[in-house]
Amino acid sequence: MTKFMRPKSGFTLVELMAVVVVIGIASAVASPIFNRAIQRIRFRGETKDVLSTLRTARSYALSQKDPFGVYFDGNNHTVTLFKDMVNPGTNVYETGDSVLRIDTLPRDIVYLYVTMLNSCLVYSPNGTASESGYVYLMSDNNSVVNISQLHVLASTGRSKINYIHNY
């Protein structure tokens, strides 16, 4: 009786080590690209959060028929949503205004600049904004620079995002 020997199938240790080395090199090359993409996505999320605060203030002003505003504090990196109660019409955030929410920007947002007077934007009950202007946000993280611009149009109160530099 003759027995046929089937060849053994499988991988040698050298072949497995070669695959592990190739995967390691590919991971090392892809890691910085992946980190930059994550930072860019986080920055875009923070920019959209600020835009959401602007749109929330406008929505409250329209629905409640009272002036609502957003105050930007560049020194403390905060964005404050408030109801303008103390001196409506002055378009200023003052002590005594009803604060609805204070959002603190993350540490990687290194710059917050607003072109509106008093760093404040107030929406009137008809949805218009106190003035047209821009809000600039900048993030500088591990040689990744992100800059965004939020534009507000006074006549309609609408706002939009423009990513100036995002890589």
N, C-alpha and C. Protein backbone atom coordinates (compact mmCIF):
# COMPACT_ATOMS: atom_id res chain seq x y z
N MET A 1 0.84 -1.16 0.00
CA MET A 1 0.00 0.00 0.00
C MET A 1 0.89 1.24 0.00
N THR A 2 0.56 2.13 -0.88
CA THR A 2 1.37 3.32 -1.03
C THR A 2 0.62 4.50 -0.42
N LYS A 3 1.32 5.21 0.40
CA LYS A 3 0.73 6.42 1.01
C LYS A 3 1.35 7.63 0.34
N PHE A 4 0.47 8.52 0.01
CA PHE A 4 0.97 9.76 -0.59
C PHE A 4 1.18 10.78 0.52
N MET A 5 2.28 11.43 0.49
CA MET A 5 2.58 12.48 1.47
C MET A 5 2.09 13.80 0.88
N ARG A 6 1.20 14.38 1.58
CA ARG A 6 0.72 15.70 1.13
C ARG A 6 1.70 16.75 1.63
N PRO A 7 1.97 17.74 0.79
CA PRO A 7 2.88 18.79 1.26
C PRO A 7 2.22 19.59 2.38
N LYS A 8 2.99 19.94 3.35
CA LYS A 8 2.46 20.72 4.47
C LYS A 8 2.26 22.16 4.02
N SER A 9 1.10 22.69 4.37
CA SER A 9 0.83 24.09 4.00
C SER A 9 0.96 24.96 5.24
N GLY A 10 1.30 26.22 5.03
CA GLY A 10 1.45 27.14 6.14
C GLY A 10 2.49 28.20 5.80
N PHE A 11 2.79 29.01 6.77
CA PHE A 11 3.73 30.09 6.58
C PHE A 11 4.96 29.84 7.45
N THR A 12 6.06 30.23 6.95
CA THR A 12 7.28 30.11 7.75
C THR A 12 7.39 31.32 8.66
N LEU A 13 8.21 31.21 9.63
CA LEU A 13 8.43 32.31 10.57
C LEU A 13 9.01 33.54 9.86
N VAL A 14 9.85 33.34 8.89
CA VAL A 14 10.44 34.44 8.13
C VAL A 14 9.36 35.19 7.35
N GLU A 15 8.42 34.46 6.75
CA GLU A 15 7.34 35.11 6.01
C GLU A 15 6.44 35.93 6.94
N LEU A 16 6.14 35.38 8.09
CA LEU A 16 5.32 36.12 9.06
C LEU A 16 6.02 37.38 9.55
N MET A 17 7.30 37.29 9.82
CA MET A 17 8.06 38.46 10.27
C MET A 17 8.13 39.53 9.19
N ALA A 18 8.23 39.12 7.93
CA ALA A 18 8.26 40.08 6.83
C ALA A 18 6.93 40.84 6.76
N VAL A 19 5.82 40.16 6.96
CA VAL A 19 4.50 40.81 6.96
C VAL A 19 4.39 41.79 8.12
N VAL A 20 4.86 41.40 9.29
CA VAL A 20 4.82 42.27 10.46
C VAL A 20 5.64 43.54 10.22
N VAL A 21 6.80 43.42 9.61
CA VAL A 21 7.65 44.57 9.32
C VAL A 21 6.97 45.51 8.33
N VAL A 22 6.36 44.96 7.29
CA VAL A 22 5.66 45.79 6.29
C VAL A 22 4.50 46.54 6.94
N ILE A 23 3.74 45.88 7.78
CA ILE A 23 2.61 46.54 8.48
C ILE A 23 3.14 47.63 9.41
N GLY A 24 4.23 47.38 10.09
CA GLY A 24 4.82 48.40 10.97
C GLY A 24 5.28 49.64 10.22
N ILE A 25 5.90 49.45 9.08
CA ILE A 25 6.35 50.59 8.27
C ILE A 25 5.15 51.38 7.75
N ALA A 26 4.13 50.70 7.29
CA ALA A 26 2.92 51.38 6.80
C ALA A 26 2.25 52.16 7.92
N SER A 27 2.22 51.61 9.12
CA SER A 27 1.62 52.32 10.26
C SER A 27 2.42 53.56 10.63
N ALA A 28 3.73 53.46 10.60
CA ALA A 28 4.58 54.60 10.94
C ALA A 28 4.42 55.73 9.94
N VAL A 29 4.22 55.40 8.69
CA VAL A 29 4.03 56.44 7.67
C VAL A 29 2.65 57.07 7.79
N ALA A 30 1.63 56.29 8.10
CA ALA A 30 0.25 56.78 8.14
C ALA A 30 -0.09 57.52 9.42
N SER A 31 0.62 57.30 10.49
CA SER A 31 0.28 57.89 11.78
C SER A 31 0.25 59.43 11.79
N PRO A 32 1.26 60.13 11.27
CA PRO A 32 1.18 61.60 11.28
C PRO A 32 0.03 62.12 10.42
N ILE A 33 -0.23 61.48 9.33
CA ILE A 33 -1.34 61.91 8.46
C ILE A 33 -2.65 61.73 9.19
N PHE A 34 -2.79 60.63 9.88
CA PHE A 34 -4.00 60.35 10.65
C PHE A 34 -4.17 61.38 11.77
N ASN A 35 -3.10 61.72 12.48
CA ASN A 35 -3.18 62.71 13.56
C ASN A 35 -3.61 64.07 13.04
N ARG A 36 -3.06 64.49 11.90
CA ARG A 36 -3.47 65.78 11.31
C ARG A 36 -4.93 65.77 10.92
N ALA A 37 -5.40 64.66 10.39
CA ALA A 37 -6.81 64.57 10.01
C ALA A 37 -7.71 64.66 11.24
N ILE A 38 -7.32 64.03 12.33
CA ILE A 38 -8.11 64.10 13.57
C ILE A 38 -8.14 65.54 14.09
N GLN A 39 -7.00 66.22 14.09
CA GLN A 39 -6.96 67.62 14.55
C GLN A 39 -7.82 68.52 13.68
N ARG A 40 -7.80 68.30 12.37
CA ARG A 40 -8.61 69.09 11.45
C ARG A 40 -10.09 68.86 11.71
N ILE A 41 -10.47 67.62 11.96
CA ILE A 41 -11.87 67.30 12.23
C ILE A 41 -12.32 67.92 13.54
N ARG A 42 -11.48 67.88 14.57
CA ARG A 42 -11.83 68.51 15.85
C ARG A 42 -12.00 70.01 15.70
N PHE A 43 -11.11 70.65 14.95
CA PHE A 43 -11.20 72.10 14.75
C PHE A 43 -12.49 72.45 14.01
N ARG A 44 -12.80 71.71 12.99
CA ARG A 44 -14.04 71.96 12.26
C ARG A 44 -15.26 71.79 13.18
N GLY A 45 -15.20 70.82 14.06
CA GLY A 45 -16.29 70.63 15.02
C GLY A 45 -16.44 71.81 15.96
N GLU A 46 -15.32 72.34 16.46
CA GLU A 46 -15.37 73.52 17.34
C GLU A 46 -15.91 74.74 16.60
N THR A 47 -15.50 74.90 15.35
CA THR A 47 -16.00 76.02 14.55
C THR A 47 -17.51 75.89 14.35
N LYS A 48 -17.96 74.68 14.08
CA LYS A 48 -19.40 74.46 13.91
C LYS A 48 -20.16 74.68 15.21
N ASP A 49 -19.54 74.42 16.35
CA ASP A 49 -20.18 74.70 17.64
C ASP A 49 -20.40 76.20 17.83
N VAL A 50 -19.41 77.01 17.46
CA VAL A 50 -19.56 78.46 17.57
C VAL A 50 -20.65 78.94 16.62
N LEU A 51 -20.67 78.41 15.40
CA LEU A 51 -21.72 78.75 14.45
C LEU A 51 -23.09 78.35 15.00
N SER A 52 -23.17 77.21 15.64
CA SER A 52 -24.42 76.76 16.23
C SER A 52 -24.89 77.72 17.33
N THR A 53 -23.95 78.25 18.10
CA THR A 53 -24.32 79.22 19.15
C THR A 53 -24.90 80.48 18.51
N LEU A 54 -24.31 80.95 17.43
CA LEU A 54 -24.85 82.12 16.73
C LEU A 54 -26.27 81.84 16.21
N ARG A 55 -26.44 80.70 15.62
CA ARG A 55 -27.76 80.35 15.08
C ARG A 55 -28.79 80.12 16.18
N THR A 56 -28.34 79.62 17.32
CA THR A 56 -29.25 79.43 18.45
C THR A 56 -29.73 80.78 18.98
N ALA A 57 -28.83 81.76 19.07
CA ALA A 57 -29.22 83.10 19.53
C ALA A 57 -30.25 83.71 18.59
N ARG A 58 -30.04 83.56 17.30
CA ARG A 58 -30.99 84.10 16.32
C ARG A 58 -32.34 83.39 16.44
N SER A 59 -32.30 82.08 16.62
CA SER A 59 -33.54 81.31 16.75
C SER A 59 -34.32 81.72 18.00
N TYR A 60 -33.62 81.90 19.12
CA TYR A 60 -34.28 82.36 20.35
C TYR A 60 -34.90 83.74 20.15
N ALA A 61 -34.18 84.63 19.48
CA ALA A 61 -34.70 85.99 19.26
C ALA A 61 -35.98 85.94 18.42
N LEU A 62 -35.99 85.10 17.41
CA LEU A 62 -37.18 84.99 16.56
C LEU A 62 -38.36 84.36 17.30
N SER A 63 -38.09 83.31 18.06
CA SER A 63 -39.18 82.58 18.70
C SER A 63 -39.72 83.27 19.95
N GLN A 64 -38.84 83.93 20.72
CA GLN A 64 -39.28 84.54 21.97
C GLN A 64 -39.54 86.04 21.84
N LYS A 65 -39.27 86.59 20.69
CA LYS A 65 -39.51 88.02 20.41
C LYS A 65 -38.78 88.94 21.40
N ASP A 66 -37.57 88.54 21.77
CA ASP A 66 -36.70 89.32 22.64
C ASP A 66 -35.30 89.30 22.04
N PRO A 67 -34.48 90.33 22.33
CA PRO A 67 -33.11 90.31 21.81
C PRO A 67 -32.23 89.30 22.56
N PHE A 68 -31.51 88.51 21.79
CA PHE A 68 -30.55 87.55 22.32
C PHE A 68 -29.21 87.82 21.65
N GLY A 69 -28.15 87.55 22.38
CA GLY A 69 -26.83 87.85 21.83
C GLY A 69 -25.79 86.81 22.15
N VAL A 70 -24.64 87.02 21.53
CA VAL A 70 -23.47 86.18 21.75
C VAL A 70 -22.30 87.11 22.03
N TYR A 71 -21.61 86.84 23.15
CA TYR A 71 -20.45 87.63 23.53
C TYR A 71 -19.21 86.75 23.42
N PHE A 72 -18.18 87.26 22.74
CA PHE A 72 -16.94 86.53 22.53
C PHE A 72 -15.85 87.15 23.40
N ASP A 73 -15.29 86.34 24.29
CA ASP A 73 -14.21 86.80 25.15
C ASP A 73 -12.92 86.13 24.69
N GLY A 74 -12.10 86.88 23.95
CA GLY A 74 -10.87 86.33 23.40
C GLY A 74 -9.83 86.02 24.45
N ASN A 75 -9.83 86.75 25.56
CA ASN A 75 -8.83 86.51 26.61
C ASN A 75 -9.09 85.21 27.35
N ASN A 76 -10.35 84.94 27.65
CA ASN A 76 -10.71 83.73 28.39
C ASN A 76 -11.13 82.57 27.48
N HIS A 77 -11.16 82.83 26.17
CA HIS A 77 -11.57 81.82 25.18
C HIS A 77 -12.96 81.28 25.48
N THR A 78 -13.90 82.19 25.74
CA THR A 78 -15.28 81.77 26.00
C THR A 78 -16.24 82.41 25.02
N VAL A 79 -17.34 81.73 24.80
CA VAL A 79 -18.44 82.22 23.98
C VAL A 79 -19.69 82.15 24.85
N THR A 80 -20.32 83.31 25.07
CA THR A 80 -21.46 83.40 25.99
C THR A 80 -22.74 83.69 25.21
N LEU A 81 -23.74 82.85 25.41
CA LEU A 81 -25.06 83.07 24.84
C LEU A 81 -25.91 83.71 25.93
N PHE A 82 -26.53 84.88 25.63
CA PHE A 82 -27.27 85.60 26.65
C PHE A 82 -28.54 86.24 26.08
N LYS A 83 -29.45 86.56 27.00
CA LYS A 83 -30.65 87.32 26.66
C LYS A 83 -30.37 88.75 27.08
N ASP A 84 -30.51 89.69 26.14
CA ASP A 84 -30.21 91.09 26.40
C ASP A 84 -31.37 91.72 27.17
N MET A 85 -31.19 91.86 28.49
CA MET A 85 -32.26 92.35 29.35
C MET A 85 -31.97 93.71 29.97
N VAL A 86 -30.72 94.04 30.24
CA VAL A 86 -30.38 95.25 30.98
C VAL A 86 -30.66 96.50 30.16
N ASN A 87 -30.01 96.63 29.04
CA ASN A 87 -30.21 97.78 28.15
C ASN A 87 -30.42 97.29 26.73
N PRO A 88 -31.59 96.77 26.41
CA PRO A 88 -31.81 96.30 25.04
C PRO A 88 -31.61 97.44 24.04
N GLY A 89 -30.98 97.13 22.96
CA GLY A 89 -30.73 98.15 21.95
C GLY A 89 -29.33 98.71 21.99
N THR A 90 -28.61 98.51 23.09
CA THR A 90 -27.23 99.00 23.15
C THR A 90 -26.25 98.01 22.54
N ASN A 91 -26.71 96.79 22.33
CA ASN A 91 -25.91 95.74 21.72
C ASN A 91 -24.60 95.48 22.46
N VAL A 92 -24.73 95.43 23.79
CA VAL A 92 -23.58 95.20 24.66
C VAL A 92 -23.96 94.12 25.67
N TYR A 93 -23.01 93.26 25.98
CA TYR A 93 -23.19 92.27 27.04
C TYR A 93 -22.82 92.95 28.36
N GLU A 94 -23.79 93.01 29.29
CA GLU A 94 -23.58 93.71 30.55
C GLU A 94 -23.95 92.79 31.72
N THR A 95 -23.44 93.14 32.88
CA THR A 95 -23.81 92.42 34.09
C THR A 95 -25.31 92.59 34.31
N GLY A 96 -25.98 91.50 34.52
CA GLY A 96 -27.44 91.53 34.68
C GLY A 96 -28.17 90.91 33.51
N ASP A 97 -27.48 90.79 32.36
CA ASP A 97 -28.10 90.08 31.24
C ASP A 97 -28.21 88.60 31.61
N SER A 98 -29.25 87.97 31.17
CA SER A 98 -29.51 86.57 31.51
C SER A 98 -28.62 85.65 30.68
N VAL A 99 -27.68 84.99 31.34
CA VAL A 99 -26.76 84.09 30.66
C VAL A 99 -27.42 82.72 30.50
N LEU A 100 -27.50 82.26 29.26
CA LEU A 100 -28.08 80.95 28.99
C LEU A 100 -27.01 79.87 28.95
N ARG A 101 -25.83 80.23 28.43
CA ARG A 101 -24.78 79.22 28.30
C ARG A 101 -23.44 79.91 28.09
N ILE A 102 -22.40 79.34 28.69
CA ILE A 102 -21.03 79.80 28.46
C ILE A 102 -20.23 78.60 27.98
N ASP A 103 -19.70 78.71 26.78
CA ASP A 103 -18.88 77.64 26.22
C ASP A 103 -17.42 78.06 26.26
N THR A 104 -16.57 77.19 26.76
CA THR A 104 -15.14 77.44 26.78
C THR A 104 -14.51 76.69 25.62
N LEU A 105 -13.75 77.42 24.82
CA LEU A 105 -13.08 76.80 23.69
C LEU A 105 -11.93 75.93 24.18
N PRO A 106 -11.61 74.87 23.46
CA PRO A 106 -10.50 74.01 23.89
C PRO A 106 -9.16 74.72 23.82
N ARG A 107 -8.15 74.15 24.48
CA ARG A 107 -6.84 74.78 24.57
C ARG A 107 -6.14 74.93 23.23
N ASP A 108 -6.45 74.06 22.28
CA ASP A 108 -5.76 74.17 21.00
C ASP A 108 -6.28 75.32 20.13
N ILE A 109 -7.41 75.93 20.52
CA ILE A 109 -7.85 77.16 19.85
C ILE A 109 -7.04 78.29 20.49
N VAL A 110 -6.05 78.79 19.77
CA VAL A 110 -5.13 79.75 20.37
C VAL A 110 -5.51 81.20 20.09
N TYR A 111 -6.49 81.40 19.22
CA TYR A 111 -6.81 82.78 18.84
C TYR A 111 -8.29 82.89 18.54
N LEU A 112 -8.92 83.88 19.13
CA LEU A 112 -10.32 84.19 18.88
C LEU A 112 -10.41 85.69 18.67
N TYR A 113 -10.80 86.11 17.48
CA TYR A 113 -10.88 87.54 17.17
C TYR A 113 -12.24 87.83 16.55
N VAL A 114 -12.84 88.94 16.98
CA VAL A 114 -14.16 89.33 16.52
C VAL A 114 -14.09 90.75 15.97
N THR A 115 -14.71 91.00 14.81
CA THR A 115 -14.69 92.34 14.22
C THR A 115 -15.87 93.20 14.68
N MET A 116 -16.80 92.64 15.45
CA MET A 116 -17.95 93.41 15.92
C MET A 116 -17.54 94.29 17.10
N LEU A 117 -18.23 95.43 17.24
CA LEU A 117 -17.96 96.32 18.36
C LEU A 117 -18.25 95.60 19.67
N ASN A 118 -17.44 95.84 20.67
CA ASN A 118 -17.60 95.26 22.01
C ASN A 118 -17.57 93.73 22.01
N SER A 119 -17.06 93.13 20.94
CA SER A 119 -16.99 91.66 20.81
C SER A 119 -18.33 91.01 21.07
N CYS A 120 -19.38 91.67 20.64
CA CYS A 120 -20.73 91.22 20.94
C CYS A 120 -21.61 91.33 19.69
N LEU A 121 -22.49 90.37 19.54
CA LEU A 121 -23.45 90.36 18.45
C LEU A 121 -24.83 90.10 19.04
N VAL A 122 -25.78 90.97 18.77
CA VAL A 122 -27.13 90.83 19.33
C VAL A 122 -28.12 90.70 18.18
N TYR A 123 -29.00 89.72 18.32
CA TYR A 123 -30.06 89.50 17.33
C TYR A 123 -31.35 90.13 17.83
N SER A 124 -32.01 90.87 16.97
CA SER A 124 -33.29 91.50 17.33
C SER A 124 -34.42 90.50 17.09
N PRO A 125 -35.62 90.79 17.61
CA PRO A 125 -36.75 89.86 17.47
C PRO A 125 -37.15 89.54 16.03
N ASN A 126 -36.75 90.39 15.07
CA ASN A 126 -37.06 90.07 13.68
C ASN A 126 -35.97 89.24 13.01
N GLY A 127 -34.93 88.86 13.75
CA GLY A 127 -33.89 87.98 13.23
C GLY A 127 -32.67 88.67 12.68
N THR A 128 -32.71 90.00 12.59
CA THR A 128 -31.54 90.71 12.07
C THR A 128 -30.48 90.82 13.16
N ALA A 129 -29.23 90.97 12.72
CA ALA A 129 -28.12 91.10 13.66
C ALA A 129 -27.79 92.56 13.88
N SER A 130 -27.14 92.84 15.00
CA SER A 130 -26.78 94.21 15.34
C SER A 130 -25.81 94.80 14.33
N GLU A 131 -24.94 93.98 13.75
CA GLU A 131 -24.01 94.45 12.73
C GLU A 131 -23.44 93.26 11.98
N SER A 132 -22.94 93.55 10.80
CA SER A 132 -22.24 92.51 10.04
C SER A 132 -20.81 92.41 10.55
N GLY A 133 -20.26 91.25 10.44
CA GLY A 133 -18.88 91.10 10.89
C GLY A 133 -18.38 89.67 10.79
N TYR A 134 -17.18 89.48 11.33
CA TYR A 134 -16.52 88.19 11.24
C TYR A 134 -16.05 87.74 12.61
N VAL A 135 -16.00 86.43 12.78
CA VAL A 135 -15.40 85.80 13.96
C VAL A 135 -14.31 84.88 13.41
N TYR A 136 -13.08 85.09 13.87
CA TYR A 136 -11.95 84.28 13.42
C TYR A 136 -11.52 83.34 14.55
N LEU A 137 -11.29 82.10 14.18
CA LEU A 137 -10.76 81.10 15.11
C LEU A 137 -9.48 80.54 14.50
N MET A 138 -8.47 80.33 15.35
CA MET A 138 -7.23 79.74 14.86
C MET A 138 -6.75 78.67 15.84
N SER A 139 -6.32 77.58 15.28
CA SER A 139 -5.76 76.48 16.06
C SER A 139 -4.36 76.20 15.54
N ASP A 140 -3.43 76.04 16.46
CA ASP A 140 -2.05 75.71 16.10
C ASP A 140 -1.63 74.53 16.95
N ASN A 141 -1.56 73.38 16.34
CA ASN A 141 -1.32 72.15 17.08
C ASN A 141 -0.31 71.28 16.33
N ASN A 142 0.87 71.12 16.89
CA ASN A 142 1.88 70.24 16.31
C ASN A 142 2.11 70.54 14.82
N SER A 143 2.39 71.77 14.52
CA SER A 143 2.65 72.24 13.15
C SER A 143 1.44 72.11 12.23
N VAL A 144 0.26 71.93 12.78
CA VAL A 144 -0.98 71.92 12.00
C VAL A 144 -1.71 73.22 12.31
N VAL A 145 -1.88 74.07 11.30
CA VAL A 145 -2.53 75.36 11.49
C VAL A 145 -3.90 75.32 10.83
N ASN A 146 -4.92 75.68 11.59
CA ASN A 146 -6.29 75.76 11.09
C ASN A 146 -6.82 77.15 11.36
N ILE A 147 -7.41 77.78 10.36
CA ILE A 147 -8.02 79.10 10.53
C ILE A 147 -9.40 79.05 9.89
N SER A 148 -10.39 79.52 10.63
CA SER A 148 -11.74 79.59 10.07
C SER A 148 -12.31 80.98 10.31
N GLN A 149 -13.26 81.33 9.47
CA GLN A 149 -13.91 82.63 9.53
C GLN A 149 -15.42 82.40 9.51
N LEU A 150 -16.09 82.92 10.52
CA LEU A 150 -17.55 82.88 10.54
C LEU A 150 -18.05 84.26 10.14
N HIS A 151 -18.90 84.32 9.16
CA HIS A 151 -19.41 85.59 8.66
C HIS A 151 -20.87 85.74 9.04
N VAL A 152 -21.21 86.91 9.58
CA VAL A 152 -22.60 87.20 9.95
C VAL A 152 -23.05 88.41 9.13
N LEU A 153 -24.20 88.29 8.50
CA LEU A 153 -24.78 89.37 7.70
C LEU A 153 -25.87 90.04 8.52
N ALA A 154 -25.74 91.33 8.76
CA ALA A 154 -26.65 92.06 9.65
C ALA A 154 -28.08 92.09 9.12
N SER A 155 -28.27 92.29 7.82
CA SER A 155 -29.62 92.47 7.30
C SER A 155 -30.50 91.24 7.45
N THR A 156 -29.91 90.06 7.44
CA THR A 156 -30.70 88.83 7.59
C THR A 156 -30.39 88.09 8.89
N GLY A 157 -29.22 88.35 9.47
CA GLY A 157 -28.81 87.65 10.67
C GLY A 157 -28.24 86.28 10.39
N ARG A 158 -28.13 85.92 9.15
CA ARG A 158 -27.62 84.60 8.79
C ARG A 158 -26.11 84.56 8.90
N SER A 159 -25.61 83.37 9.16
CA SER A 159 -24.17 83.21 9.34
C SER A 159 -23.68 81.97 8.60
N LYS A 160 -22.40 81.99 8.23
CA LYS A 160 -21.82 80.86 7.52
C LYS A 160 -20.33 80.76 7.86
N ILE A 161 -19.76 79.60 7.54
CA ILE A 161 -18.35 79.33 7.82
C ILE A 161 -17.55 79.37 6.53
N ASN A 162 -16.35 79.93 6.63
CA ASN A 162 -15.38 79.88 5.55
C ASN A 162 -14.07 79.39 6.15
N TYR A 163 -13.57 78.25 5.70
CA TYR A 163 -12.29 77.74 6.19
C TYR A 163 -11.19 78.37 5.36
N ILE A 164 -10.41 79.24 5.98
CA ILE A 164 -9.37 79.96 5.27
C ILE A 164 -8.16 79.07 5.06
N HIS A 165 -7.74 78.42 6.10
CA HIS A 165 -6.51 77.63 6.07
C HIS A 165 -6.77 76.41 6.93
N ASN A 166 -6.81 75.25 6.30
CA ASN A 166 -7.15 74.06 7.06
C ASN A 166 -6.36 72.89 6.52
N TYR A 167 -5.13 72.74 7.01
CA TYR A 167 -4.32 71.58 6.65
C TYR A 167 -3.34 71.26 7.73
